[in-house]
């Protein structure tokens, strides 16, 4: 699995559409976010098992309203299903179920951003691969 595929997978499980539409309004504001992501995939070849990256993402009001921030461009609405969604205070827990992947996520909104922990099980080539992902999104200002 290439780094590009890992990042696309991470984006797919990060914030499901239903969560974005129902509960991001008022919890996340439009603007530029710096997102630090750490992923670990046991059993991968050297250099692929643990990944760390930082990226920036411009989130518009329309992205929040429509849930567009919830999925990569190549993912179609309805490709994945949200299950067991619970919101308690500023923390959401949910399971995302896709054709070849299941992800359990805990996301906590805080002033100026969010933190997220996700455990993913994905099927590839008849085998199940596990991955853990930790993300921290920090609002840095208006989009440029």
Foldseek 3Di string as FASTA:
>chain_A
DDPVVVVQVCLQPPAAQVCLQPPCVVLDAFAKKKKWKWKAWPPDPPPPGIDIDIDMDGGHPVCSNRVVSRHDPVDDPPQKDWPDWDDDPQKIWIWIGGPFKIKTKIKGGDVFWIKMWMWMWGDDPNDTIIMIMIMTMGGDGHYD
